[in-house]
Amino acid sequence: MVKLPKKLRDLFKRKKKGENTEYEQMVERREVEEVIKDPTKLAFRVQLAHGSSTQNVSNFSNIAQLYERLATVLKVNESDILFCTINNYAVDMECLIGGTINMDDFIYVHVAGTKKEITVDKSEAAIGITITDNGNGKALVKRVKPSSVAAKCQQIVPGDHIQSINGESMVGSRHYEVAKVLKSLPVGVAFKLVLVEPRKEFDQIAPRSQLGKTTAPSNLARSLSGRVSLRLRRDGKAAVTDMPSNFDIKASEAIDDILENYLGIRDAEMSTSIVEVYKEKSSHMADFAAELKNKFLVDLVSENEKLLYSIWTKLGELKRSQNEDLTQKENFETDSD
């Protein structure tokens, strides 16, 4: 028998007792066990962000495979896919797909639109952009700081793919590598950027309502929604897990803030992975650092001791705060009794 995530185990117990009327139309435990054992059987609704019919995507176990499958079902070139957003077809980089997909999430796929070749006068050490990437070889502008060099340029906007810098291709580079190249450029010297913006909705001749309508999630997706999520790693296999805890969410957001402060990047999947490592190696900082090096962050950990210390310290603070909250809750419940 497949071991189910906690919330699903609790749900089946309630069903057995006849206490959960909502569960009367849910699929049988056997079907749930099948997707827990093999998450590639899960199907998610997808659409081109600028408009298309709705399709289902399945049979993927990591981010790279997701992009391959999206290209196939939507009949586009994989190299043209810039990024995906969740439950929002607009170019909203706060909705960028990360390391976790909820069961009833709708995936919107943004493809390449207009290419822009611009010259930027680097009048300050930092040009004022936060960089993320799509997990499949494309660095993207996530944020533009107001009144910064990038903002004054007026041609660099969130959602732009950074294709090249001074003629050097950035395709295949991670966000922190692109940020490092930009930081290394001399102040007072202009440089050239080639950017590719996502195709916009107004590029279509027909209104969006005529191009494709969304469909309701499957019965299985509705049944699992809010109880478990699909943990989708950049490298490795996907897994159906319990929904992120309050600690997981706060810790991931805190790490993202630290990464932005030190490196000028944000990456929800990376932050989630760091939290997972910390939960396994929270006793000693040396073990934590070694595990990060082994898994995915050799360059970052080796070259940024202050960054590592900041992450370790912040996660420790959040863990202590969580323990204090739990203690207060237990004391309150004891007093109530």
Protein backbone atom coordinates (compact mmCIF):
# COMPACT_ATOMS: atom_id res chain seq x y z
CA MET A 1 0.00 0.00 0.00
CA VAL A 2 1.28 3.45 -0.93
CA LYS A 3 1.92 5.84 1.98
CA LEU A 4 -0.25 8.92 1.54
CA PRO A 5 0.58 12.49 2.61
CA LYS A 6 -0.87 13.35 6.03
CA LYS A 7 -3.86 15.40 4.85
CA LEU A 8 -4.97 12.61 2.53
CA ARG A 9 -4.61 10.02 5.28
CA ASP A 10 -6.78 12.16 7.55
CA LEU A 11 -9.32 12.62 4.77
CA PHE A 12 -9.68 8.90 4.14
CA LYS A 13 -10.16 8.32 7.86
CA ARG A 14 -13.04 10.81 7.88
CA LYS A 15 -14.51 9.16 4.81
CA LYS A 16 -14.38 5.77 6.50
CA LYS A 17 -16.27 7.18 9.46
CA GLY A 18 -18.82 8.77 7.16
CA GLU A 19 -18.03 12.25 8.49
CA ASN A 20 -17.07 13.93 5.24
CA THR A 21 -19.98 14.52 2.87
CA GLU A 22 -17.73 16.48 0.49
CA TYR A 23 -15.84 13.28 -0.13
CA GLU A 24 -18.82 11.32 -1.45
CA GLN A 25 -17.94 12.12 -5.07
CA MET A 26 -14.20 11.75 -4.70
CA VAL A 27 -12.29 9.10 -6.64
CA GLU A 28 -11.45 5.84 -4.93
CA ARG A 29 -8.31 5.50 -2.85
CA ARG A 30 -6.79 3.26 -5.51
CA GLU A 31 -6.75 6.08 -8.07
CA VAL A 32 -5.22 8.48 -5.55
CA GLU A 33 -2.53 5.95 -4.70
CA GLU A 34 -1.66 5.62 -8.37
CA VAL A 35 -0.82 9.32 -8.77
CA ILE A 36 1.05 9.39 -5.45
CA LYS A 37 3.17 6.51 -6.70
CA ASP A 38 3.55 7.98 -10.20
CA PRO A 39 2.98 11.78 -10.31
CA THR A 40 3.49 11.81 -14.09
CA LYS A 41 -0.12 10.62 -14.35
CA LEU A 42 -1.34 13.96 -13.02
CA ALA A 43 -2.72 16.28 -15.71
CA PHE A 44 -2.77 20.09 -15.54
CA ARG A 45 -4.72 22.52 -17.70
CA VAL A 46 -2.58 24.71 -19.96
CA GLN A 47 -3.08 27.50 -22.47
CA LEU A 48 -0.90 29.90 -24.43
CA ALA A 49 -0.98 33.19 -22.51
CA HIS A 50 -1.82 35.20 -25.63
CA GLY A 51 -4.74 32.88 -26.39
CA SER A 52 -5.31 29.28 -27.48
CA SER A 53 -7.54 26.32 -26.79
CA THR A 54 -7.09 24.60 -23.44
CA GLN A 55 -5.01 21.44 -23.38
CA ASN A 56 -3.89 19.03 -20.67
CA VAL A 57 -0.24 18.41 -19.92
CA SER A 58 1.03 15.33 -18.10
CA ASN A 59 3.85 12.79 -18.22
CA PHE A 60 6.62 15.02 -16.82
CA SER A 61 8.76 14.58 -13.72
CA ASN A 62 10.91 17.73 -13.69
CA ILE A 63 10.91 21.26 -15.04
CA ALA A 64 12.83 20.45 -18.24
CA GLN A 65 10.36 17.70 -19.11
CA LEU A 66 7.46 20.06 -18.38
CA TYR A 67 8.73 22.48 -21.02
CA GLU A 68 9.15 19.65 -23.52
CA ARG A 69 5.59 18.48 -22.92
CA LEU A 70 4.17 22.02 -23.08
CA ALA A 71 5.80 22.52 -26.47
CA THR A 72 4.28 19.28 -27.73
CA VAL A 73 0.70 19.76 -26.52
CA LEU A 74 0.55 23.45 -27.51
CA LYS A 75 2.36 22.89 -30.82
CA VAL A 76 5.09 25.51 -30.31
CA ASN A 77 8.88 25.33 -30.41
CA GLU A 78 10.33 24.63 -26.98
CA SER A 79 12.99 27.28 -27.61
CA ASP A 80 10.21 29.88 -28.01
CA ILE A 81 8.81 29.29 -24.51
CA LEU A 82 10.04 32.07 -22.22
CA PHE A 83 8.24 31.24 -18.98
CA CYS A 84 4.97 30.07 -17.41
CA THR A 85 2.63 31.80 -15.00
CA ILE A 86 0.09 30.22 -12.70
CA ASN A 87 -3.60 31.19 -12.78
CA ASN A 88 -2.89 34.50 -14.56
CA TYR A 89 -2.35 34.96 -18.29
CA ALA A 90 -0.88 38.46 -17.81
CA VAL A 91 2.87 39.08 -17.70
CA ASP A 92 2.93 39.02 -13.91
CA MET A 93 6.30 37.80 -12.68
CA GLU A 94 4.91 37.32 -9.17
CA CYS A 95 2.83 34.48 -10.63
CA LEU A 96 5.83 32.76 -12.21
CA ILE A 97 5.75 28.99 -11.87
CA GLY A 98 8.01 27.85 -9.04
CA GLY A 99 8.84 24.58 -7.36
CA THR A 100 5.28 23.78 -6.30
CA ILE A 101 2.12 23.37 -8.39
CA ASN A 102 -1.26 23.05 -6.74
CA MET A 103 -3.53 20.37 -8.11
CA ASP A 104 -6.10 22.72 -9.66
CA ASP A 105 -3.60 25.31 -10.93
CA PHE A 106 -3.91 26.55 -14.51
CA ILE A 107 -0.63 27.01 -16.39
CA TYR A 108 -0.27 29.85 -18.90
CA VAL A 109 2.63 29.61 -21.32
CA HIS A 110 4.33 32.79 -22.52
CA VAL A 111 6.24 32.56 -25.80
CA ALA A 112 8.78 34.84 -27.46
CA GLY A 113 7.53 38.05 -29.01
CA THR A 114 9.46 41.13 -30.11
CA LYS A 115 13.26 41.24 -29.88
CA LYS A 116 14.80 44.47 -28.58
CA GLU A 117 18.42 45.55 -29.04
CA ILE A 118 19.23 48.40 -26.69
CA THR A 119 22.23 50.33 -25.40
CA VAL A 120 22.41 50.97 -21.66
CA ASP A 121 24.62 53.61 -20.07
CA LYS A 122 25.88 52.03 -16.88
CA SER A 123 26.09 55.20 -14.81
CA GLU A 124 25.90 53.31 -11.51
CA ALA A 125 27.35 50.06 -10.16
CA ALA A 126 23.91 48.40 -10.04
CA ILE A 127 21.56 48.78 -12.97
CA GLY A 128 18.53 48.05 -10.78
CA ILE A 129 17.01 44.80 -11.99
CA THR A 130 16.17 41.58 -10.19
CA ILE A 131 16.77 38.48 -12.30
CA THR A 132 15.07 35.11 -12.19
CA ASP A 133 15.07 32.25 -14.69
CA ASN A 134 12.59 29.79 -16.12
CA GLY A 135 14.44 26.69 -14.94
CA ASN A 136 15.15 25.76 -18.54
CA GLY A 137 17.97 28.00 -19.69
CA LYS A 138 16.42 31.46 -19.95
CA ALA A 139 17.21 34.35 -17.59
CA LEU A 140 14.37 36.82 -17.10
CA VAL A 141 13.84 40.30 -15.71
CA LYS A 142 11.65 39.86 -12.63
CA ARG A 143 11.67 43.39 -11.22
CA VAL A 144 12.92 46.84 -12.19
CA LYS A 145 13.84 49.17 -9.34
CA PRO A 146 12.23 52.63 -9.65
CA SER A 147 14.61 55.47 -10.61
CA SER A 148 17.36 52.96 -11.41
CA VAL A 149 19.54 52.82 -14.53
CA ALA A 150 17.20 50.19 -15.99
CA ALA A 151 14.09 52.24 -15.17
CA LYS A 152 15.52 55.36 -16.79
CA CYS A 153 16.25 53.32 -19.89
CA GLN A 154 12.48 52.74 -20.23
CA GLN A 155 12.96 49.68 -22.43
CA ILE A 156 13.73 47.04 -19.80
CA VAL A 157 10.54 45.61 -18.28
CA PRO A 158 9.55 42.59 -16.19
CA GLY A 159 9.14 39.49 -18.33
CA ASP A 160 11.97 40.34 -20.74
CA HIS A 161 14.32 37.46 -21.51
CA ILE A 162 17.99 38.51 -21.37
CA GLN A 163 19.28 36.87 -24.53
CA SER A 164 22.75 38.42 -24.73
CA ILE A 165 25.04 41.01 -23.11
CA ASN A 166 27.60 42.75 -25.30
CA GLY A 167 27.21 39.99 -27.88
CA GLU A 168 27.74 37.17 -25.36
CA SER A 169 24.83 34.74 -25.33
CA MET A 170 23.13 34.27 -21.96
CA VAL A 171 20.95 31.40 -23.17
CA GLY A 172 21.60 28.42 -20.92
CA SER A 173 22.97 30.58 -18.09
CA ARG A 174 21.51 30.65 -14.61
CA HIS A 175 20.16 33.89 -13.16
CA TYR A 176 23.11 34.38 -10.80
CA GLU A 177 25.54 33.93 -13.69
CA VAL A 178 23.77 36.65 -15.69
CA ALA A 179 23.70 38.92 -12.64
CA LYS A 180 27.43 38.38 -12.21
CA VAL A 181 28.12 39.40 -15.83
CA LEU A 182 26.08 42.59 -15.42
CA LYS A 183 27.84 43.43 -12.16
CA SER A 184 31.26 42.97 -13.76
CA LEU A 185 30.63 45.58 -16.47
CA PRO A 186 32.55 48.81 -15.81
CA VAL A 187 30.71 51.86 -14.51
CA GLY A 188 30.59 54.75 -16.95
CA VAL A 189 30.71 52.53 -20.02
CA ALA A 190 27.67 51.76 -22.17
CA PHE A 191 26.82 48.15 -22.94
CA LYS A 192 24.46 46.39 -25.33
CA LEU A 193 21.55 44.20 -24.34
CA VAL A 194 19.44 41.96 -26.53
CA LEU A 195 16.09 41.31 -24.87
CA VAL A 196 13.09 39.27 -25.99
CA GLU A 197 9.74 40.30 -24.62
CA PRO A 198 6.85 37.84 -24.27
CA ARG A 199 4.17 37.86 -26.91
CA LYS A 200 1.30 40.02 -25.76
CA GLU A 201 -2.42 39.31 -25.97
CA PHE A 202 -3.04 42.21 -28.32
CA ASP A 203 -0.82 40.54 -30.93
CA GLN A 204 -3.81 38.34 -31.68
CA ILE A 205 -6.36 39.37 -34.30
CA ALA A 206 -9.30 37.86 -32.42
CA PRO A 207 -10.33 38.73 -28.85
CA ARG A 208 -9.08 36.33 -26.21
CA SER A 209 -12.61 35.12 -25.53
CA GLN A 210 -12.78 33.74 -29.07
CA LEU A 211 -9.38 32.10 -28.97
CA GLY A 212 -9.83 29.68 -26.13
CA LYS A 213 -11.95 29.08 -23.07
CA THR A 214 -10.77 27.58 -19.83
CA THR A 215 -12.21 24.34 -18.56
CA ALA A 216 -12.95 23.12 -15.06
CA PRO A 217 -10.30 21.03 -13.25
CA SER A 218 -10.75 17.28 -13.22
CA ASN A 219 -12.50 15.48 -10.37
CA LEU A 220 -9.13 14.20 -9.19
CA ALA A 221 -7.64 17.71 -9.16
CA ARG A 222 -10.60 19.09 -7.22
CA SER A 223 -10.35 16.24 -4.73
CA LEU A 224 -6.65 16.72 -4.07
CA SER A 225 -6.69 20.54 -4.20
CA GLY A 226 -5.74 22.23 -0.94
CA ARG A 227 -4.51 18.97 0.55
CA VAL A 228 -1.42 18.11 -1.47
CA SER A 229 0.71 19.72 -4.16
CA LEU A 230 3.16 18.61 -6.82
CA ARG A 231 6.75 19.36 -5.79
CA LEU A 232 8.55 19.97 -9.07
CA ARG A 233 12.32 20.13 -8.84
CA ARG A 234 14.69 21.55 -11.44
CA ASP A 235 16.60 18.28 -11.44
CA GLY A 236 15.20 15.01 -10.19
CA LYS A 237 11.77 13.46 -9.89
CA ALA A 238 8.51 15.15 -8.99
CA ALA A 239 6.65 14.11 -5.87
CA VAL A 240 3.16 14.61 -4.46
CA THR A 241 3.60 16.13 -1.00
CA ASP A 242 1.63 17.86 1.71
CA MET A 243 0.92 21.54 1.10
CA PRO A 244 3.76 23.85 2.26
CA SER A 245 3.53 24.74 5.95
CA ASN A 246 3.54 28.30 7.27
CA PHE A 247 7.22 27.83 8.12
CA ASP A 248 7.97 26.62 4.59
CA ILE A 249 6.25 29.64 3.03
CA LYS A 250 7.82 32.23 5.34
CA ALA A 251 11.27 30.64 5.06
CA SER A 252 11.16 30.49 1.25
CA GLU A 253 10.09 34.13 1.01
CA ALA A 254 12.83 35.17 3.44
CA ILE A 255 15.48 33.32 1.43
CA ASP A 256 14.23 34.93 -1.78
CA ASP A 257 14.66 38.34 -0.13
CA ILE A 258 18.21 37.45 0.91
CA LEU A 259 19.09 36.20 -2.58
CA GLU A 260 17.77 39.43 -4.05
CA ASN A 261 19.73 41.54 -1.58
CA TYR A 262 23.04 39.73 -2.14
CA LEU A 263 22.83 38.60 -5.75
CA GLY A 264 20.00 40.47 -7.42
CA ILE A 265 18.04 37.27 -8.11
CA ARG A 266 14.80 35.65 -6.97
CA ASP A 267 14.03 31.96 -7.44
CA ALA A 268 11.11 30.28 -5.66
CA GLU A 269 12.26 26.77 -6.60
CA MET A 270 15.79 27.38 -5.32
CA SER A 271 14.49 28.92 -2.09
CA THR A 272 12.16 25.98 -1.51
CA SER A 273 15.03 23.54 -2.09
CA ILE A 274 17.22 25.42 0.42
CA VAL A 275 14.44 25.17 3.02
CA GLU A 276 14.18 21.42 2.37
CA VAL A 277 17.94 21.03 2.92
CA TYR A 278 17.75 23.07 6.13
CA LYS A 279 14.98 20.87 7.54
CA GLU A 280 17.25 17.87 7.03
CA LYS A 281 20.51 19.53 8.15
CA SER A 282 19.50 22.11 10.75
CA SER A 283 21.83 20.92 13.53
CA HIS A 284 25.14 22.18 12.15
CA MET A 285 25.89 24.93 9.65
CA ALA A 286 28.80 22.92 8.19
CA ASP A 287 26.48 20.03 7.32
CA PHE A 288 23.96 22.46 5.85
CA ALA A 289 26.63 24.09 3.66
CA ALA A 290 28.04 20.74 2.54
CA GLU A 291 24.59 19.51 1.50
CA LEU A 292 23.92 22.68 -0.50
CA LYS A 293 27.23 22.20 -2.31
CA ASN A 294 26.41 18.58 -3.05
CA LYS A 295 22.97 19.36 -4.40
CA PHE A 296 23.01 22.49 -6.50
CA LEU A 297 24.74 25.56 -5.14
CA VAL A 298 28.47 24.85 -5.34
CA ASP A 299 29.41 28.23 -6.83
CA LEU A 300 27.08 30.28 -4.66
CA VAL A 301 28.06 28.64 -1.38
CA SER A 302 31.79 28.62 -2.14
CA GLU A 303 31.96 32.28 -3.18
CA ASN A 304 29.46 33.85 -0.76
CA GLU A 305 30.11 32.98 2.87
CA LYS A 306 28.13 36.02 4.06
CA LEU A 307 25.17 34.90 1.97
CA LEU A 308 25.30 31.42 3.47
CA TYR A 309 25.56 32.81 7.01
CA SER A 310 22.62 35.16 6.41
CA ILE A 311 20.45 32.28 5.16
CA TRP A 312 21.44 30.05 8.07
CA THR A 313 20.80 32.79 10.63
CA LYS A 314 17.41 33.74 9.18
CA LEU A 315 16.20 30.15 9.02
CA GLY A 316 17.29 29.67 12.63
CA GLU A 317 15.29 32.74 13.69
CA LEU A 318 12.19 31.48 11.90
CA LYS A 319 12.56 28.02 13.42
CA ARG A 320 12.85 29.45 16.94
CA SER A 321 9.82 31.67 16.33
CA GLN A 322 7.84 28.66 15.12
CA ASN A 323 8.80 26.67 18.23
CA GLU A 324 7.78 29.57 20.48
CA ASP A 325 4.40 29.79 18.74
CA LEU A 326 3.85 26.07 19.20
CA THR A 327 4.76 26.31 22.89
CA GLN A 328 2.34 29.20 23.41
CA LYS A 329 -0.41 27.28 21.63
CA GLU A 330 0.18 24.20 23.80
CA ASN A 331 0.15 26.32 26.97
CA PHE A 332 -3.10 28.01 25.88
CA GLU A 333 -4.75 24.65 25.18
CA THR A 334 -3.55 23.34 28.57
CA ASP A 335 -4.96 26.40 30.37
CA SER A 336 -8.26 26.00 28.51
CA ASP A 337 -8.56 22.42 29.69
